[in-house]
């Protein structure tokens, strides 16, 4: 079905699309050094915890009370969107109790939605007992998307994707018998999302998917490869040129030897195993320390611990500060102040780099609900797609999800580089991705036959139960999507809902009737499309 927007909606949609990029950048501060949200501007401006609603409040002291706006902000940052009924659940339980529950992940593979998703990995010719172990690249992507769409605990998948972005692995070049490693890798990140960073860092370093992607499985005493040594410090643990030298990288590359591919003839699968014969002999001297010669095990645990103990000029370990900045940029603000980074790094240290307890302190803090933290972070395109589906209940096929997310360069389990997905303004910089999201929304709202065949009721899903007019519907749907309308935009949308325009352009006033299924099918679906073009829809 072709969506025919009336003149008012065309004008409004055109205005919103033209202003989307600039308004989004203004809302986020743009990440520039002279932005009012930048570190330079906020440093030293933190509040000591008096309960003030200061614009720049760096206090990690617990906030006393949480408003409805606070709860919606919390859900926007920790879920893919504000799903219907979730604010009321949080209020009823209390935020602290809700956070505890959302961080208590069930064992991976134990939930019905995972059983359903696993069927997407299976092929008719899979050997008995090895079902789902020989998926295609598209199978793995569909499986990952399905988990994001259907996990009742969205926060588990939010953390899983955070770590996919942090430990960027693209398995496209894996051989068919190696692709099962990506499934294990994604599940490792999903299961350990709020756990201990030191342990996760070590297990990721030894994981077959990472060893293949960054050449660890090809790194031997005969030809030490520097890829993992460099990326381990630069992207995963310390930051670019932060506390290590080129000589350290060379020495570390020798410490990261000893793993190789092994073809299991019984299963037909490739595994990555430790082989002492591949390990570089002699001592290594990374970070001013000596790693002795020992062929009984790899040196990965030693390297991780030496990195964890590495300090700056003040004696503070560098890893906690690096992880603090990364977590704050994802959950708090694009440019957290140095004061806040240091304070949260101390929280991480006090919790032995256990991520969950530290995040709970952040999510309950005054700073998390300050005006600067609420100013808006740009959502990844996968967050927009998953959030829209989870919030509205509108569905599409796995193929369509994968198609559009591919166009947006935002495929789960396929980060575009080892650096993960683009950050900040770069998320909305390409023309291709800017067009793809509106096209996806159009695809979603025009899939009415399949949705209605599955029993989807768009009126019940997107309108207040007792709605009587267009104003109530516009306000409700905007709030559901987290869209902030100014009064002119709001009135334009109300006017759009209350007018019909014929093919010759003539306008006929009509009162939008929420119970009218024809109005729902045309006007309500088009209203959703327009709201998804608003700058604030792209923020969390």
Protein backbone atom coordinates (compact mmCIF):
# COMPACT_ATOMS: atom_id res chain seq x y z
CA UNK A 1 0.00 0.00 0.00
CA UNK A 2 1.31 3.46 -0.88
CA UNK A 3 1.31 5.84 2.09
CA UNK A 4 -0.28 9.11 1.00
CA UNK A 5 0.61 11.86 3.44
CA UNK A 6 -1.62 14.91 3.27
CA UNK A 7 -0.12 18.33 2.56
CA UNK A 8 0.17 19.27 6.22
CA UNK A 9 2.02 16.08 7.04
CA UNK A 10 4.31 16.46 4.01
CA UNK A 11 5.28 19.95 5.09
CA UNK A 12 5.82 18.85 8.68
CA UNK A 13 7.80 15.76 7.69
CA UNK A 14 9.96 17.82 5.30
CA UNK A 15 10.67 20.39 8.01
CA UNK A 16 11.57 17.70 10.54
CA UNK A 17 13.84 15.86 8.12
CA UNK A 18 15.67 19.05 7.16
CA UNK A 19 16.25 19.99 10.79
CA UNK A 20 16.98 16.49 12.08
CA UNK A 21 20.77 16.58 11.91
CA UNK A 22 21.27 20.10 13.23
CA UNK A 23 18.71 19.76 16.01
CA UNK A 24 20.19 16.45 17.09
CA UNK A 25 23.67 17.92 17.24
CA UNK A 26 22.45 20.87 19.28
CA UNK A 27 20.64 18.55 21.68
CA UNK A 28 23.75 16.44 22.17
CA UNK A 29 26.24 19.26 22.32
CA UNK A 30 27.94 17.89 19.21
CA UNK A 31 30.86 16.56 21.20
CA UNK A 32 33.05 19.54 20.29
CA UNK A 33 35.56 21.03 22.68
CA UNK A 34 33.74 24.35 22.96
CA UNK A 35 30.30 22.79 23.45
CA UNK A 36 28.53 23.64 26.71
CA UNK A 37 28.33 19.89 27.35
CA UNK A 38 32.05 19.30 26.84
CA UNK A 39 34.54 18.24 29.49
CA UNK A 40 36.21 21.61 29.45
CA UNK A 41 32.96 23.37 30.23
CA UNK A 42 31.80 20.94 32.91
CA UNK A 43 35.03 20.28 34.75
CA UNK A 44 34.83 21.59 38.28
CA UNK A 45 31.14 22.40 37.97
CA UNK A 46 29.92 19.26 39.72
CA UNK A 47 27.57 19.46 42.65
CA UNK A 48 28.68 17.89 45.92
CA UNK A 49 25.40 16.11 46.47
CA UNK A 50 23.05 18.68 47.94
CA UNK A 51 20.12 17.42 45.90
CA UNK A 52 20.32 20.40 43.56
CA UNK A 53 18.96 20.04 40.03
CA UNK A 54 22.07 21.74 38.63
CA UNK A 55 22.55 21.50 34.88
CA UNK A 56 26.01 19.99 35.44
CA UNK A 57 25.79 17.74 38.46
CA UNK A 58 28.68 15.28 38.82
CA UNK A 59 27.55 13.90 42.17
CA UNK A 60 27.22 10.13 42.40
CA UNK A 61 25.36 10.50 45.68
CA UNK A 62 21.99 8.70 45.59
CA UNK A 63 19.04 10.77 44.40
CA UNK A 64 16.27 10.98 46.98
CA UNK A 65 13.16 10.71 44.81
CA UNK A 66 12.48 9.80 41.19
CA UNK A 67 9.90 11.60 39.09
CA UNK A 68 8.00 10.11 36.18
CA UNK A 69 10.43 11.96 33.89
CA UNK A 70 13.37 10.37 35.74
CA UNK A 71 11.96 6.89 35.29
CA UNK A 72 11.38 7.43 31.58
CA UNK A 73 14.94 8.73 31.26
CA UNK A 74 16.25 5.64 33.04
CA UNK A 75 14.30 3.32 30.73
CA UNK A 76 15.38 5.20 27.64
CA UNK A 77 19.06 4.73 28.55
CA UNK A 78 18.94 1.17 29.86
CA UNK A 79 16.35 -0.36 27.50
CA UNK A 80 15.89 0.05 23.76
CA UNK A 81 12.88 2.25 24.33
CA UNK A 82 10.10 2.96 26.78
CA UNK A 83 7.88 -0.08 26.39
CA UNK A 84 4.20 0.28 27.34
CA UNK A 85 3.63 -0.44 31.02
CA UNK A 86 7.32 -0.40 31.98
CA UNK A 87 7.25 2.99 33.77
CA UNK A 88 4.39 1.75 35.94
CA UNK A 89 6.29 -1.47 36.75
CA UNK A 90 9.37 0.49 37.82
CA UNK A 91 7.29 2.81 40.00
CA UNK A 92 5.51 -0.10 41.65
CA UNK A 93 8.69 -2.02 42.45
CA UNK A 94 10.87 0.97 43.24
CA UNK A 95 13.86 1.85 41.06
CA UNK A 96 16.47 0.16 43.26
CA UNK A 97 14.59 -3.16 43.33
CA UNK A 98 13.92 -2.97 39.58
CA UNK A 99 17.63 -2.42 38.86
CA UNK A 100 18.55 -5.47 40.95
CA UNK A 101 16.06 -7.59 39.03
CA UNK A 102 17.11 -6.38 35.59
CA UNK A 103 20.78 -7.11 36.41
CA UNK A 104 20.02 -10.67 37.53
CA UNK A 105 20.48 -12.34 34.16
CA UNK A 106 19.12 -15.85 33.75
CA UNK A 107 21.71 -18.43 32.59
CA UNK A 108 22.25 -18.12 28.86
CA UNK A 109 20.21 -20.68 26.94
CA UNK A 110 17.66 -21.24 29.70
CA UNK A 111 14.86 -18.99 28.42
CA UNK A 112 12.06 -19.82 25.94
CA UNK A 113 12.88 -16.84 23.71
CA UNK A 114 16.42 -18.22 23.33
CA UNK A 115 15.10 -21.64 22.37
CA UNK A 116 12.98 -19.96 19.69
CA UNK A 117 15.91 -17.88 18.44
CA UNK A 118 18.17 -20.95 18.25
CA UNK A 119 15.92 -22.47 15.58
CA UNK A 120 17.20 -19.76 13.23
CA UNK A 121 20.68 -21.30 13.43
CA UNK A 122 19.58 -24.78 12.37
CA UNK A 123 19.78 -26.34 8.93
CA UNK A 124 18.11 -29.51 7.67
CA UNK A 125 21.45 -31.22 7.04
CA UNK A 126 22.98 -30.51 10.47
CA UNK A 127 24.47 -33.68 12.02
CA UNK A 128 22.52 -35.18 14.90
CA UNK A 129 23.69 -33.62 18.14
CA UNK A 130 25.24 -30.66 16.31
CA UNK A 131 22.05 -28.85 15.33
CA UNK A 132 22.70 -25.13 14.94
CA UNK A 133 26.49 -25.51 14.81
CA UNK A 134 26.82 -24.77 11.08
CA UNK A 135 24.88 -21.52 10.57
CA UNK A 136 25.40 -19.07 7.74
CA UNK A 137 26.41 -15.47 8.39
CA UNK A 138 22.81 -14.33 7.85
CA UNK A 139 21.58 -17.05 10.25
CA UNK A 140 23.78 -15.69 13.04
CA UNK A 141 22.66 -12.12 12.37
CA UNK A 142 18.97 -13.12 12.37
CA UNK A 143 19.51 -15.03 15.63
CA UNK A 144 21.17 -12.03 17.26
CA UNK A 145 18.43 -9.65 16.11
CA UNK A 146 15.79 -12.06 17.39
CA UNK A 147 17.38 -12.03 20.85
CA UNK A 148 17.33 -8.23 20.90
CA UNK A 149 13.70 -8.12 19.86
CA UNK A 150 12.35 -10.74 22.24
CA UNK A 151 14.33 -10.87 25.48
CA UNK A 152 11.88 -9.81 28.24
CA UNK A 153 14.90 -8.34 30.03
CA UNK A 154 16.01 -5.77 27.46
CA UNK A 155 18.91 -4.64 29.65
CA UNK A 156 20.70 -7.96 29.13
CA UNK A 157 20.76 -7.33 25.39
CA UNK A 158 21.71 -3.66 25.90
CA UNK A 159 24.79 -4.79 27.81
CA UNK A 160 25.50 -7.53 25.29
CA UNK A 161 25.54 -4.93 22.51
CA UNK A 162 27.64 -2.57 24.62
CA UNK A 163 30.33 -5.24 24.82
CA UNK A 164 29.95 -6.14 21.13
CA UNK A 165 30.76 -2.50 20.44
CA UNK A 166 33.67 -2.54 22.91
CA UNK A 167 35.17 -5.87 21.77
CA UNK A 168 34.48 -5.45 18.06
CA UNK A 169 34.55 -8.80 16.19
CA UNK A 170 33.28 -9.18 12.63
CA UNK A 171 32.97 -12.85 11.68
CA UNK A 172 32.16 -12.35 7.98
CA UNK A 173 35.50 -13.84 6.89
CA UNK A 174 35.22 -16.87 9.19
CA UNK A 175 35.03 -20.22 7.46
CA UNK A 176 31.78 -22.18 7.72
CA UNK A 177 33.18 -24.49 10.39
CA UNK A 178 34.29 -21.44 12.41
CA UNK A 179 31.07 -19.42 12.49
CA UNK A 180 29.75 -21.30 15.54
CA UNK A 181 32.44 -19.43 17.51
CA UNK A 182 30.57 -16.16 16.96
CA UNK A 183 27.47 -17.61 18.60
CA UNK A 184 29.53 -18.57 21.65
CA UNK A 185 31.17 -15.12 21.66
CA UNK A 186 27.87 -13.22 21.59
CA UNK A 187 26.51 -15.45 24.36
CA UNK A 188 29.63 -14.84 26.46
CA UNK A 189 29.04 -11.09 26.25
CA UNK A 190 25.33 -11.47 26.99
CA UNK A 191 25.94 -13.70 30.01
CA UNK A 192 28.75 -11.66 31.55
CA UNK A 193 27.49 -8.17 30.71
CA UNK A 194 27.39 -6.93 34.31
CA UNK A 195 30.19 -9.10 35.65
CA UNK A 196 33.86 -8.57 36.44
CA UNK A 197 35.75 -6.65 33.77
CA UNK A 198 39.10 -8.34 34.48
CA UNK A 199 37.59 -11.80 34.01
CA UNK A 200 35.70 -10.74 30.89
CA UNK A 201 38.84 -9.18 29.43
CA UNK A 202 40.74 -12.43 29.90
CA UNK A 203 37.99 -14.69 28.56
CA UNK A 204 37.48 -12.48 25.51
CA UNK A 205 41.23 -12.53 24.86
CA UNK A 206 41.26 -16.33 24.86
CA UNK A 207 38.02 -16.75 22.92
CA UNK A 208 38.24 -18.43 19.55
CA UNK A 209 36.27 -15.69 17.77
CA UNK A 210 38.65 -12.97 18.98
CA UNK A 211 41.73 -15.13 18.35
CA UNK A 212 40.68 -15.67 14.74
CA UNK A 213 39.50 -12.11 14.09
CA UNK A 214 42.65 -10.38 15.37
CA UNK A 215 45.09 -13.05 14.19
CA UNK A 216 45.80 -14.56 17.60
CA UNK A 217 45.30 -18.01 16.11
CA UNK A 218 48.04 -17.21 13.59
CA UNK A 219 50.41 -15.61 16.11
CA UNK A 220 53.36 -17.94 16.74
CA UNK A 221 56.96 -17.87 17.87
CA UNK A 222 58.00 -17.99 14.22
CA UNK A 223 56.12 -14.80 13.26
CA UNK A 224 54.75 -12.76 16.19
CA UNK A 225 51.73 -10.73 15.11
CA UNK A 226 51.12 -7.36 16.79
CA UNK A 227 47.41 -7.00 15.98
CA UNK A 228 45.93 -8.21 19.24
CA UNK A 229 48.62 -6.69 21.46
CA UNK A 230 47.95 -3.29 19.92
CA UNK A 231 44.14 -3.46 19.94
CA UNK A 232 44.05 -4.97 23.44
CA UNK A 233 45.58 -1.83 24.91
CA UNK A 234 44.34 0.73 22.41
CA UNK A 235 40.67 -0.29 22.26
CA UNK A 236 39.91 -2.77 25.05
CA UNK A 237 41.81 -1.77 28.17
CA UNK A 238 43.81 1.49 28.19
CA UNK A 239 43.09 3.80 25.25
CA UNK A 240 45.18 5.08 22.37
CA UNK A 241 48.84 5.76 23.33
CA UNK A 242 47.91 5.68 27.00
CA UNK A 243 50.71 4.23 29.14
CA UNK A 244 52.47 1.94 26.69
CA UNK A 245 55.12 2.23 23.96
CA UNK A 246 55.77 0.59 20.62
CA UNK A 247 58.37 -1.59 22.33
CA UNK A 248 55.69 -2.72 24.79
CA UNK A 249 53.47 -3.75 21.86
CA UNK A 250 56.27 -5.79 20.34
CA UNK A 251 57.01 -7.53 23.64
CA UNK A 252 53.30 -8.14 24.27
CA UNK A 253 52.87 -9.70 20.83
CA UNK A 254 55.33 -12.42 21.91
CA UNK A 255 53.35 -12.94 25.12
CA UNK A 256 50.16 -13.42 23.08
CA UNK A 257 51.51 -16.44 21.20
CA UNK A 258 50.57 -20.08 21.72
CA UNK A 259 47.05 -20.47 20.30
CA UNK A 260 46.18 -22.09 16.97
CA UNK A 261 43.29 -23.52 15.00
CA UNK A 262 42.40 -27.17 15.44
CA UNK A 263 39.98 -29.05 13.17
CA UNK A 264 37.92 -31.52 15.15
CA UNK A 265 37.42 -34.41 12.76
CA UNK A 266 34.65 -35.89 14.92
CA UNK A 267 32.44 -32.79 14.74
CA UNK A 268 33.75 -31.06 11.63
CA UNK A 269 34.14 -27.86 13.64
CA UNK A 270 37.17 -25.65 14.06
CA UNK A 271 38.30 -24.93 17.61
CA UNK A 272 41.13 -22.73 18.85
CA UNK A 273 43.42 -24.49 21.31
CA UNK A 274 46.58 -23.72 23.27
CA UNK A 275 49.70 -25.29 21.77
CA UNK A 276 52.97 -24.88 23.71
CA UNK A 277 54.93 -25.53 20.53
CA UNK A 278 53.57 -22.29 19.07
CA UNK A 279 54.45 -20.14 22.07
CA UNK A 280 57.41 -17.76 21.87
CA UNK A 281 60.32 -18.91 24.02
CA UNK A 282 62.32 -16.75 26.40
CA UNK A 283 61.22 -13.91 28.65
CA UNK A 284 59.17 -10.91 27.54
CA UNK A 285 59.41 -7.36 28.90
CA UNK A 286 56.01 -5.63 28.50
CA UNK A 287 55.15 -2.51 30.54
CA UNK A 288 58.48 -2.59 32.36
CA UNK A 289 57.86 -6.09 33.74
CA UNK A 290 59.45 -9.42 33.04
CA UNK A 291 57.29 -12.36 31.96
CA UNK A 292 59.26 -15.54 32.48
CA UNK A 293 59.56 -18.52 30.18
CA UNK A 294 56.79 -21.06 30.85
CA UNK A 295 55.41 -23.43 28.24
CA UNK A 296 52.83 -25.02 30.56
CA UNK A 297 50.29 -22.27 29.91
CA UNK A 298 49.76 -19.12 27.91
CA UNK A 299 50.78 -15.67 29.17
CA UNK A 300 47.33 -14.12 28.67
CA UNK A 301 46.40 -14.06 32.36
CA UNK A 302 49.74 -12.45 33.20
CA UNK A 303 49.26 -9.81 30.49
CA UNK A 304 45.75 -8.95 31.66
CA UNK A 305 46.89 -8.61 35.28
CA UNK A 306 49.92 -6.49 34.35
CA UNK A 307 47.55 -4.23 32.42
CA UNK A 308 45.11 -4.04 35.32
CA UNK A 309 47.95 -2.97 37.62
CA UNK A 310 49.34 -0.36 35.21
CA UNK A 311 49.10 3.13 36.72
CA UNK A 312 49.41 6.77 35.73
CA UNK A 313 51.67 9.40 37.30
CA UNK A 314 49.32 9.74 40.28
CA UNK A 315 49.35 6.01 41.02
CA UNK A 316 45.80 5.38 39.80
CA UNK A 317 45.25 2.37 37.58
CA UNK A 318 44.52 3.32 33.99
CA UNK A 319 42.00 0.57 33.25
CA UNK A 320 39.33 1.87 35.64
CA UNK A 321 39.54 5.36 34.15
CA UNK A 322 39.32 3.97 30.62
CA UNK A 323 36.29 1.81 31.44
CA UNK A 324 34.66 4.67 33.36
CA UNK A 325 34.79 6.96 30.33
CA UNK A 326 33.43 4.22 28.05
CA UNK A 327 30.47 3.37 30.29
CA UNK A 328 29.63 7.02 30.97
CA UNK A 329 29.66 7.90 27.27
CA UNK A 330 27.24 5.07 26.60
CA UNK A 331 24.83 5.63 29.49
CA UNK A 332 25.35 9.16 30.84
CA UNK A 333 26.52 11.77 28.34
CA UNK A 334 28.60 12.23 25.22
CA UNK A 335 31.24 14.34 27.02
CA UNK A 336 31.31 13.48 30.73
CA UNK A 337 33.45 15.81 32.81
CA UNK A 338 36.84 14.76 34.12
CA UNK A 339 35.44 15.03 37.64
CA UNK A 340 32.67 12.56 36.86
CA UNK A 341 35.02 10.18 35.03
CA UNK A 342 37.36 10.13 38.02
CA UNK A 343 34.52 9.69 40.50
CA UNK A 344 32.98 6.80 38.59
CA UNK A 345 36.43 5.21 38.09
CA UNK A 346 36.75 5.21 41.88
CA UNK A 347 33.35 3.51 42.14
CA UNK A 348 34.57 0.84 39.73
CA UNK A 349 37.75 0.36 41.77
CA UNK A 350 35.77 0.09 45.01
CA UNK A 351 33.70 -2.65 43.36
CA UNK A 352 36.78 -4.51 42.07
CA UNK A 353 35.74 -3.63 38.49
CA UNK A 354 32.45 -5.48 38.86
CA UNK A 355 30.31 -3.59 36.36
CA UNK A 356 26.81 -4.27 37.71
CA UNK A 357 27.20 -2.77 41.21
CA UNK A 358 28.97 0.27 39.76
CA UNK A 359 26.23 0.85 37.19
CA UNK A 360 23.56 0.61 39.90
CA UNK A 361 25.26 3.46 41.76
CA UNK A 362 25.30 5.48 38.54
CA UNK A 363 21.64 4.77 37.74
CA UNK A 364 20.55 5.89 41.22
CA UNK A 365 22.79 8.96 41.34
CA UNK A 366 21.95 12.66 41.17
CA UNK A 367 24.25 13.06 38.19
CA UNK A 368 22.38 10.52 36.06
CA UNK A 369 19.21 12.63 36.28
CA UNK A 370 20.84 16.07 35.89
CA UNK A 371 19.88 18.28 32.97
CA UNK A 372 23.17 17.63 31.19
CA UNK A 373 22.69 13.87 31.42
CA UNK A 374 19.14 14.18 30.11
CA UNK A 375 20.21 16.36 27.17
CA UNK A 376 20.23 13.34 24.89
CA UNK A 377 22.56 10.73 23.43
CA UNK A 378 22.29 9.73 19.79
CA UNK A 379 20.87 6.24 19.46
CA UNK A 380 22.56 3.66 17.26
CA UNK A 381 20.37 2.62 14.34
CA UNK A 382 19.97 -0.89 15.76
CA UNK A 383 18.67 0.76 18.96
CA UNK A 384 16.13 2.73 16.93
CA UNK A 385 14.93 -0.33 15.01
CA UNK A 386 14.75 -2.64 18.03
CA UNK A 387 13.26 0.05 20.22
CA UNK A 388 10.54 0.87 17.69
CA UNK A 389 9.50 -2.77 17.34
CA UNK A 390 9.54 -3.45 21.08
CA UNK A 391 7.66 -0.22 21.87
CA UNK A 392 4.93 -0.44 19.22
CA UNK A 393 4.55 -4.19 18.79
CA UNK A 394 4.72 -3.76 15.01
CA UNK A 395 6.76 -6.55 13.44
CA UNK A 396 8.52 -7.40 10.21
CA UNK A 397 10.30 -10.46 8.85
CA UNK A 398 13.84 -11.38 9.88
CA UNK A 399 14.91 -10.68 6.32
CA UNK A 400 13.61 -7.12 6.45
CA UNK A 401 15.24 -6.40 9.80
CA UNK A 402 18.56 -7.65 8.45
CA UNK A 403 18.14 -5.82 5.14
CA UNK A 404 17.55 -2.41 6.64
CA UNK A 405 20.08 -2.76 9.44
CA UNK A 406 22.61 -3.74 6.79
CA UNK A 407 21.78 -0.56 4.86
CA UNK A 408 22.31 1.37 8.10
CA UNK A 409 25.64 -0.40 8.74
CA UNK A 410 24.28 -1.39 12.12
CA UNK A 411 24.02 -5.19 12.07
CA UNK A 412 24.29 -6.94 15.44
CA UNK A 413 27.31 -9.29 15.50
CA UNK A 414 28.75 -7.38 12.51
CA UNK A 415 30.38 -4.16 13.80
CA UNK A 416 31.94 -2.27 10.89
CA UNK A 417 35.43 -2.43 12.44
CA UNK A 418 37.37 -3.54 15.51
CA UNK A 419 36.48 -0.10 16.92
CA UNK A 420 32.81 -1.08 16.94
CA UNK A 421 30.05 1.19 15.64
CA UNK A 422 30.47 4.94 15.03
CA UNK A 423 30.11 7.22 18.04
CA UNK A 424 28.40 10.57 18.56
CA UNK A 425 27.71 12.67 15.50
CA UNK A 426 29.21 10.03 13.18
CA UNK A 427 26.15 7.84 13.78
CA UNK A 428 24.00 10.13 11.62
CA UNK A 429 26.62 11.47 9.21
CA UNK A 430 25.96 9.31 6.16
CA UNK A 431 23.20 10.04 3.69
CA UNK A 432 22.55 6.32 3.12
CA UNK A 433 21.77 5.57 6.74
CA UNK A 434 19.74 8.77 7.04
CA UNK A 435 17.40 7.54 4.31
CA UNK A 436 17.31 3.92 5.44
CA UNK A 437 15.63 4.53 8.79
CA UNK A 438 12.60 6.38 7.33
CA UNK A 439 12.36 3.63 4.72
CA UNK A 440 12.37 0.98 7.44
CA UNK A 441 9.59 2.76 9.33
CA UNK A 442 7.58 2.91 6.11
CA UNK A 443 8.16 -0.82 5.61
CA UNK A 444 7.02 -1.48 9.16
CA UNK A 445 3.79 0.53 9.00
CA UNK A 446 2.78 -0.87 5.60
CA UNK A 447 3.09 -4.50 6.70
CA UNK A 448 -0.50 -4.32 7.90
CA UNK A 449 -1.83 -7.57 6.45
CA UNK A 450 0.76 -9.77 8.16
CA UNK A 451 0.44 -7.83 11.40
CA UNK A 452 -3.35 -8.02 11.46
CA UNK A 453 -3.23 -11.73 10.55
CA UNK A 454 -1.13 -12.23 13.67
CA UNK A 455 -3.78 -10.44 15.72
CA UNK A 456 -2.05 -7.09 16.05
CA UNK A 457 -4.41 -4.27 17.09
CA UNK A 458 -2.74 -0.97 16.31
CA UNK A 459 -5.38 1.06 18.07
CA UNK A 460 -4.95 -0.84 21.33
CA UNK A 461 -1.16 -0.71 21.01
CA UNK A 462 -0.66 2.96 20.16
CA UNK A 463 -3.64 4.85 21.59
CA UNK A 464 -4.86 5.48 25.15
CA UNK A 465 -7.56 2.99 26.07
CA UNK A 466 -10.21 5.69 26.53
CA UNK A 467 -9.03 8.13 23.85
CA UNK A 468 -11.73 10.33 22.37
CA UNK A 469 -9.85 12.71 20.05
CA UNK A 470 -6.71 13.39 18.02
CA UNK A 471 -5.05 15.50 20.71
CA UNK A 472 -4.99 12.61 23.17
CA UNK A 473 -3.60 10.26 20.51
CA UNK A 474 -0.85 12.63 19.39
CA UNK A 475 0.25 13.29 22.97
CA UNK A 476 0.17 9.61 23.89
CA UNK A 477 2.13 8.35 20.87
CA UNK A 478 4.72 11.11 21.13
CA UNK A 479 5.29 10.21 24.79
CA UNK A 480 5.46 6.50 23.98
CA UNK A 481 8.19 7.13 21.40
CA UNK A 482 10.05 9.62 23.59
CA UNK A 483 9.45 12.42 21.08
CA UNK A 484 9.48 16.00 22.40
CA UNK A 485 7.24 18.27 20.33
CA UNK A 486 7.11 22.02 20.53
CA UNK A 487 3.64 23.54 20.50
CA UNK A 488 3.69 24.34 16.77
CA UNK A 489 4.70 20.79 15.84
CA UNK A 490 2.10 19.35 18.19
CA UNK A 491 -0.65 21.47 16.68
CA UNK A 492 0.46 20.60 13.14
CA UNK A 493 0.08 16.93 13.97
CA UNK A 494 -3.33 17.42 15.57
CA UNK A 495 -4.44 19.34 12.47
CA UNK A 496 -3.11 16.54 10.25
CA UNK A 497 -5.13 13.94 12.14
CA UNK A 498 -8.30 16.03 11.67
CA UNK A 499 -8.18 16.63 7.92
CA UNK A 500 -8.51 14.55 4.78
CA UNK A 501 -6.93 15.59 1.52
CA UNK A 502 -8.17 14.14 -1.75
CA UNK A 503 -6.02 13.36 -4.76
CA UNK A 504 -6.83 16.78 -6.25
CA UNK A 505 -5.53 18.50 -3.12
CA UNK A 506 -8.85 19.60 -1.68
CA UNK A 507 -9.13 19.46 2.11
CA UNK A 508 -12.06 18.11 4.07
CA UNK A 509 -12.20 18.61 7.84
CA UNK A 510 -12.80 15.38 9.75
CA UNK A 511 -12.69 14.56 13.42
CA UNK A 512 -10.19 11.77 14.01
CA UNK A 513 -12.06 9.01 15.79
CA UNK A 514 -9.74 6.69 17.77
CA UNK A 515 -12.18 3.77 17.52
CA UNK A 516 -12.48 4.08 13.73
CA UNK A 517 -10.36 1.25 12.28
CA UNK A 518 -10.03 3.07 8.94
CA UNK A 519 -8.65 6.13 10.75
CA UNK A 520 -6.29 3.88 12.68
CA UNK A 521 -5.07 2.14 9.56
CA UNK A 522 -4.30 5.32 7.66
CA UNK A 523 -3.88 8.25 10.05
CA UNK A 524 -2.38 6.47 13.03
CA UNK A 525 0.21 4.61 10.95
CA UNK A 526 1.18 7.82 9.14
CA UNK A 527 1.39 9.67 12.44
CA UNK A 528 3.88 7.05 13.62
CA UNK A 529 5.98 7.57 10.46
CA UNK A 530 6.08 11.35 10.98
CA UNK A 531 7.01 11.11 14.65
CA UNK A 532 9.88 8.75 13.83
CA UNK A 533 11.43 11.51 11.67
CA UNK A 534 11.52 13.94 14.58
CA UNK A 535 15.04 14.79 15.86
CA UNK A 536 14.22 13.69 19.40
CA UNK A 537 13.28 10.18 18.22
CA UNK A 538 16.94 9.66 17.40
CA UNK A 539 17.96 10.41 20.97
CA UNK A 540 17.86 8.41 24.17
